[in-house]
Amino acid sequence: MSNAVTAIPAAASAQTLTHFAAKLAFETDCSDVHAALLADAPGFVLLDVRGPGVFATGHVPGALNLPHREITAERMAQWPAETLFVVYCAGPHCNGADRAAFKLAQLGRPVKLMIGGMTGWVDEGFALADGAAALRGYACDCALV
């Protein structure tokens, strides 16, 4: 019996492998970022690309605040060209991290998106740099920056 799951056959293994390898090249998740940040050298720079107001209310420990509208060649020159950046914003309802990743790629910088953003970080139960902010909203003020 066919249903919405089985009505369209699954892709061939080779296609599936290509799809998910590409997806993993573009994205990482909160749990992997958390584990890497606990290491001595995580191998990336974590950028919170929201505005400074919401960054101040709570952010991922170790993240640097660089609103996506401020990503320029001049600002990025402080890091070696091969530096991997991981970007995040408010969460799946916000495209600020996508905009940041786009700008970084335009500048020839390696970048991954931390899927879930702040929403995902909090959902995983990870602490914020300002623990009191955990119960506050994470409105994306991306358009205001």
C-alpha atoms as a PDB file:
ATOM      1  CA  MET A   1       0.000   0.000   0.000  1.00  0.00           C
ATOM      2  CA  SER A   2       1.352   3.406  -0.997  1.00  0.00           C
ATOM      3  CA  ASN A   3       1.515   6.403   1.314  1.00  0.00           C
ATOM      4  CA  ALA A   4       3.167   9.810   1.235  1.00  0.00           C
ATOM      5  CA  VAL A   5       6.484   8.300   2.379  1.00  0.00           C
ATOM      6  CA  THR A   6       6.626   5.386  -0.055  1.00  0.00           C
ATOM      7  CA  ALA A   7       4.871   6.924  -3.082  1.00  0.00           C
ATOM      8  CA  ILE A   8       8.179   8.364  -4.331  1.00  0.00           C
ATOM      9  CA  PRO A   9      11.025   5.847  -4.259  1.00  0.00           C
ATOM     10  CA  ALA A  10      14.174   6.652  -2.306  1.00  0.00           C
ATOM     11  CA  ALA A  11      17.138   7.872  -4.341  1.00  0.00           C
ATOM     12  CA  ALA A  12      19.864   5.473  -5.320  1.00  0.00           C
ATOM     13  CA  SER A  13      22.654   5.136  -2.765  1.00  0.00           C
ATOM     14  CA  ALA A  14      25.150   6.995  -4.965  1.00  0.00           C
ATOM     15  CA  GLN A  15      22.774   9.956  -5.310  1.00  0.00           C
ATOM     16  CA  THR A  16      22.058   9.904  -1.585  1.00  0.00           C
ATOM     17  CA  LEU A  17      25.754   9.891  -0.791  1.00  0.00           C
ATOM     18  CA  THR A  18      26.371  12.880  -3.066  1.00  0.00           C
ATOM     19  CA  HIS A  19      23.433  14.799  -1.600  1.00  0.00           C
ATOM     20  CA  PHE A  20      24.350  14.315   2.058  1.00  0.00           C
ATOM     21  CA  ALA A  21      28.089  14.827   1.506  1.00  0.00           C
ATOM     22  CA  ALA A  22      27.278  18.197  -0.055  1.00  0.00           C
ATOM     23  CA  LYS A  23      24.853  19.065   2.730  1.00  0.00           C
ATOM     24  CA  LEU A  24      27.449  18.292   5.404  1.00  0.00           C
ATOM     25  CA  ALA A  25      29.959  20.504   3.572  1.00  0.00           C
ATOM     26  CA  PHE A  26      27.554  23.442   3.997  1.00  0.00           C
ATOM     27  CA  GLU A  27      26.156  22.800   7.484  1.00  0.00           C
ATOM     28  CA  THR A  28      27.052  21.718  10.973  1.00  0.00           C
ATOM     29  CA  ASP A  29      24.814  21.317  13.991  1.00  0.00           C
ATOM     30  CA  CYS A  30      24.730  22.757  17.474  1.00  0.00           C
ATOM     31  CA  SER A  31      25.893  19.561  19.116  1.00  0.00           C
ATOM     32  CA  ASP A  32      28.984  19.305  16.931  1.00  0.00           C
ATOM     33  CA  VAL A  33      29.793  22.993  17.476  1.00  0.00           C
ATOM     34  CA  HIS A  34      29.390  22.551  21.235  1.00  0.00           C
ATOM     35  CA  ALA A  35      31.714  19.537  21.279  1.00  0.00           C
ATOM     36  CA  ALA A  36      34.302  21.334  19.133  1.00  0.00           C
ATOM     37  CA  LEU A  37      34.222  24.420  21.348  1.00  0.00           C
ATOM     38  CA  LEU A  38      35.084  22.225  24.341  1.00  0.00           C
ATOM     39  CA  ALA A  39      38.277  21.194  22.542  1.00  0.00           C
ATOM     40  CA  ASP A  40      41.475  23.192  22.889  1.00  0.00           C
ATOM     41  CA  ALA A  41      41.410  24.221  19.214  1.00  0.00           C
ATOM     42  CA  PRO A  42      37.990  23.916  17.563  1.00  0.00           C
ATOM     43  CA  GLY A  43      39.352  24.744  14.103  1.00  0.00           C
ATOM     44  CA  PHE A  44      36.883  27.515  13.289  1.00  0.00           C
ATOM     45  CA  VAL A  45      35.728  30.978  14.273  1.00  0.00           C
ATOM     46  CA  LEU A  46      32.121  31.082  15.457  1.00  0.00           C
ATOM     47  CA  LEU A  47      30.250  34.198  14.330  1.00  0.00           C
ATOM     48  CA  ASP A  48      26.946  35.319  15.788  1.00  0.00           C
ATOM     49  CA  VAL A  49      25.654  37.437  12.924  1.00  0.00           C
ATOM     50  CA  ARG A  50      22.709  38.976  14.779  1.00  0.00           C
ATOM     51  CA  GLY A  51      22.707  42.577  15.901  1.00  0.00           C
ATOM     52  CA  PRO A  52      24.620  43.635  19.016  1.00  0.00           C
ATOM     53  CA  GLY A  53      21.424  44.158  21.042  1.00  0.00           C
ATOM     54  CA  VAL A  54      20.260  40.557  20.864  1.00  0.00           C
ATOM     55  CA  PHE A  55      23.836  39.290  21.063  1.00  0.00           C
ATOM     56  CA  ALA A  56      24.142  41.069  24.429  1.00  0.00           C
ATOM     57  CA  THR A  57      21.042  39.320  25.790  1.00  0.00           C
ATOM     58  CA  GLY A  58      22.574  35.894  25.224  1.00  0.00           C
ATOM     59  CA  HIS A  59      24.787  34.080  22.747  1.00  0.00           C
ATOM     60  CA  VAL A  60      26.814  30.923  22.270  1.00  0.00           C
ATOM     61  CA  PRO A  61      29.866  31.076  24.548  1.00  0.00           C
ATOM     62  CA  GLY A  62      32.950  31.819  22.492  1.00  0.00           C
ATOM     63  CA  ALA A  63      31.043  33.402  19.603  1.00  0.00           C
ATOM     64  CA  LEU A  64      32.145  36.722  18.188  1.00  0.00           C
ATOM     65  CA  ASN A  65      29.464  39.221  17.238  1.00  0.00           C
ATOM     66  CA  LEU A  66      29.760  40.314  13.622  1.00  0.00           C
ATOM     67  CA  PRO A  67      26.386  41.307  12.155  1.00  0.00           C
ATOM     68  CA  HIS A  68      26.062  40.051   8.602  1.00  0.00           C
ATOM     69  CA  ARG A  69      25.770  43.607   7.266  1.00  0.00           C
ATOM     70  CA  GLU A  70      29.241  44.337   8.626  1.00  0.00           C
ATOM     71  CA  ILE A  71      30.988  41.449   6.891  1.00  0.00           C
ATOM     72  CA  THR A  72      33.436  43.078   4.511  1.00  0.00           C
ATOM     73  CA  ALA A  73      36.832  42.213   3.087  1.00  0.00           C
ATOM     74  CA  GLU A  74      38.362  44.768   5.440  1.00  0.00           C
ATOM     75  CA  ARG A  75      36.727  43.231   8.538  1.00  0.00           C
ATOM     76  CA  MET A  76      37.661  39.698   7.539  1.00  0.00           C
ATOM     77  CA  ALA A  77      41.305  40.612   6.823  1.00  0.00           C
ATOM     78  CA  GLN A  78      42.161  40.001  10.486  1.00  0.00           C
ATOM     79  CA  TRP A  79      41.872  36.237   9.896  1.00  0.00           C
ATOM     80  CA  PRO A  80      43.985  34.109   7.558  1.00  0.00           C
ATOM     81  CA  ALA A  81      42.252  33.325   4.249  1.00  0.00           C
ATOM     82  CA  GLU A  82      41.885  29.635   5.113  1.00  0.00           C
ATOM     83  CA  THR A  83      40.035  30.288   8.398  1.00  0.00           C
ATOM     84  CA  LEU A  84      36.778  28.340   8.587  1.00  0.00           C
ATOM     85  CA  PHE A  85      33.838  30.382   9.834  1.00  0.00           C
ATOM     86  CA  VAL A  86      30.710  28.920  11.379  1.00  0.00           C
ATOM     87  CA  VAL A  87      27.801  31.351  11.346  1.00  0.00           C
ATOM     88  CA  TYR A  88      24.496  31.408  13.183  1.00  0.00           C
ATOM     89  CA  CYS A  89      21.572  33.729  13.800  1.00  0.00           C
ATOM     90  CA  ALA A  90      18.286  33.499  15.701  1.00  0.00           C
ATOM     91  CA  GLY A  91      17.144  30.197  14.257  1.00  0.00           C
ATOM     92  CA  PRO A  92      15.358  28.522  11.377  1.00  0.00           C
ATOM     93  CA  HIS A  93      12.986  31.476  10.980  1.00  0.00           C
ATOM     94  CA  CYS A  94      15.857  33.900  10.306  1.00  0.00           C
ATOM     95  CA  ASN A  95      18.025  34.112   7.193  1.00  0.00           C
ATOM     96  CA  GLY A  96      20.776  36.245   8.715  1.00  0.00           C
ATOM     97  CA  ALA A  97      23.169  33.289   8.827  1.00  0.00           C
ATOM     98  CA  ASP A  98      22.409  32.511   5.182  1.00  0.00           C
ATOM     99  CA  ARG A  99      23.206  36.121   4.294  1.00  0.00           C
ATOM    100  CA  ALA A 100      26.447  35.944   6.276  1.00  0.00           C
ATOM    101  CA  ALA A 101      27.466  32.661   4.639  1.00  0.00           C
ATOM    102  CA  PHE A 102      26.721  34.161   1.232  1.00  0.00           C
ATOM    103  CA  LYS A 103      28.895  37.209   1.948  1.00  0.00           C
ATOM    104  CA  LEU A 104      31.742  35.106   3.300  1.00  0.00           C
ATOM    105  CA  ALA A 105      31.612  32.852   0.234  1.00  0.00           C
ATOM    106  CA  GLN A 106      31.663  35.938  -2.005  1.00  0.00           C
ATOM    107  CA  LEU A 107      34.873  36.910  -0.220  1.00  0.00           C
ATOM    108  CA  GLY A 108      36.321  33.451  -0.880  1.00  0.00           C
ATOM    109  CA  ARG A 109      36.118  32.444   2.787  1.00  0.00           C
ATOM    110  CA  PRO A 110      35.277  28.891   3.903  1.00  0.00           C
ATOM    111  CA  VAL A 111      32.002  28.876   5.828  1.00  0.00           C
ATOM    112  CA  LYS A 112      29.441  26.558   7.362  1.00  0.00           C
ATOM    113  CA  LEU A 113      26.035  27.348   8.784  1.00  0.00           C
ATOM    114  CA  MET A 114      25.183  26.146  12.294  1.00  0.00           C
ATOM    115  CA  ILE A 115      21.693  24.803  11.662  1.00  0.00           C
ATOM    116  CA  GLY A 116      19.115  25.737  14.257  1.00  0.00           C
ATOM    117  CA  GLY A 117      20.933  28.893  15.371  1.00  0.00           C
ATOM    118  CA  MET A 118      20.080  30.140  18.847  1.00  0.00           C
ATOM    119  CA  THR A 119      16.831  28.179  18.841  1.00  0.00           C
ATOM    120  CA  GLY A 120      18.713  24.953  18.191  1.00  0.00           C
ATOM    121  CA  TRP A 121      21.386  25.780  20.781  1.00  0.00           C
ATOM    122  CA  VAL A 122      18.782  26.330  23.488  1.00  0.00           C
ATOM    123  CA  ASP A 123      16.755  23.281  22.356  1.00  0.00           C
ATOM    124  CA  GLU A 124      19.891  21.162  22.853  1.00  0.00           C
ATOM    125  CA  GLY A 125      20.094  22.445  26.441  1.00  0.00           C
ATOM    126  CA  PHE A 126      23.429  24.195  26.005  1.00  0.00           C
ATOM    127  CA  ALA A 127      24.276  27.186  28.170  1.00  0.00           C
ATOM    128  CA  LEU A 128      24.434  30.727  26.897  1.00  0.00           C
ATOM    129  CA  ALA A 129      27.142  33.250  27.678  1.00  0.00           C
ATOM    130  CA  ASP A 130      24.406  35.131  29.566  1.00  0.00           C
ATOM    131  CA  GLY A 131      22.471  32.326  31.247  1.00  0.00           C
ATOM    132  CA  ALA A 132      19.655  34.646  32.323  1.00  0.00           C
ATOM    133  CA  ALA A 133      18.912  35.262  28.648  1.00  0.00           C
ATOM    134  CA  ALA A 134      17.903  31.641  28.085  1.00  0.00           C
ATOM    135  CA  LEU A 135      14.267  32.431  28.765  1.00  0.00           C
ATOM    136  CA  ARG A 136      14.148  35.596  26.664  1.00  0.00           C
ATOM    137  CA  GLY A 137      13.245  35.742  22.997  1.00  0.00           C
ATOM    138  CA  TYR A 138      15.830  35.640  20.240  1.00  0.00           C
ATOM    139  CA  ALA A 139      14.205  37.982  17.803  1.00  0.00           C
ATOM    140  CA  CYS A 140      16.315  38.472  14.760  1.00  0.00           C
ATOM    141  CA  ASP A 141      17.075  42.143  14.376  1.00  0.00           C
ATOM    142  CA  CYS A 142      18.975  41.360  11.179  1.00  0.00           C
ATOM    143  CA  ALA A 143      17.038  44.006   9.241  1.00  0.00           C
ATOM    144  CA  LEU A 144      17.868  46.613  11.867  1.00  0.00           C
ATOM    145  CA  VAL A 145      21.628  46.173  11.759  1.00  0.00           C
END
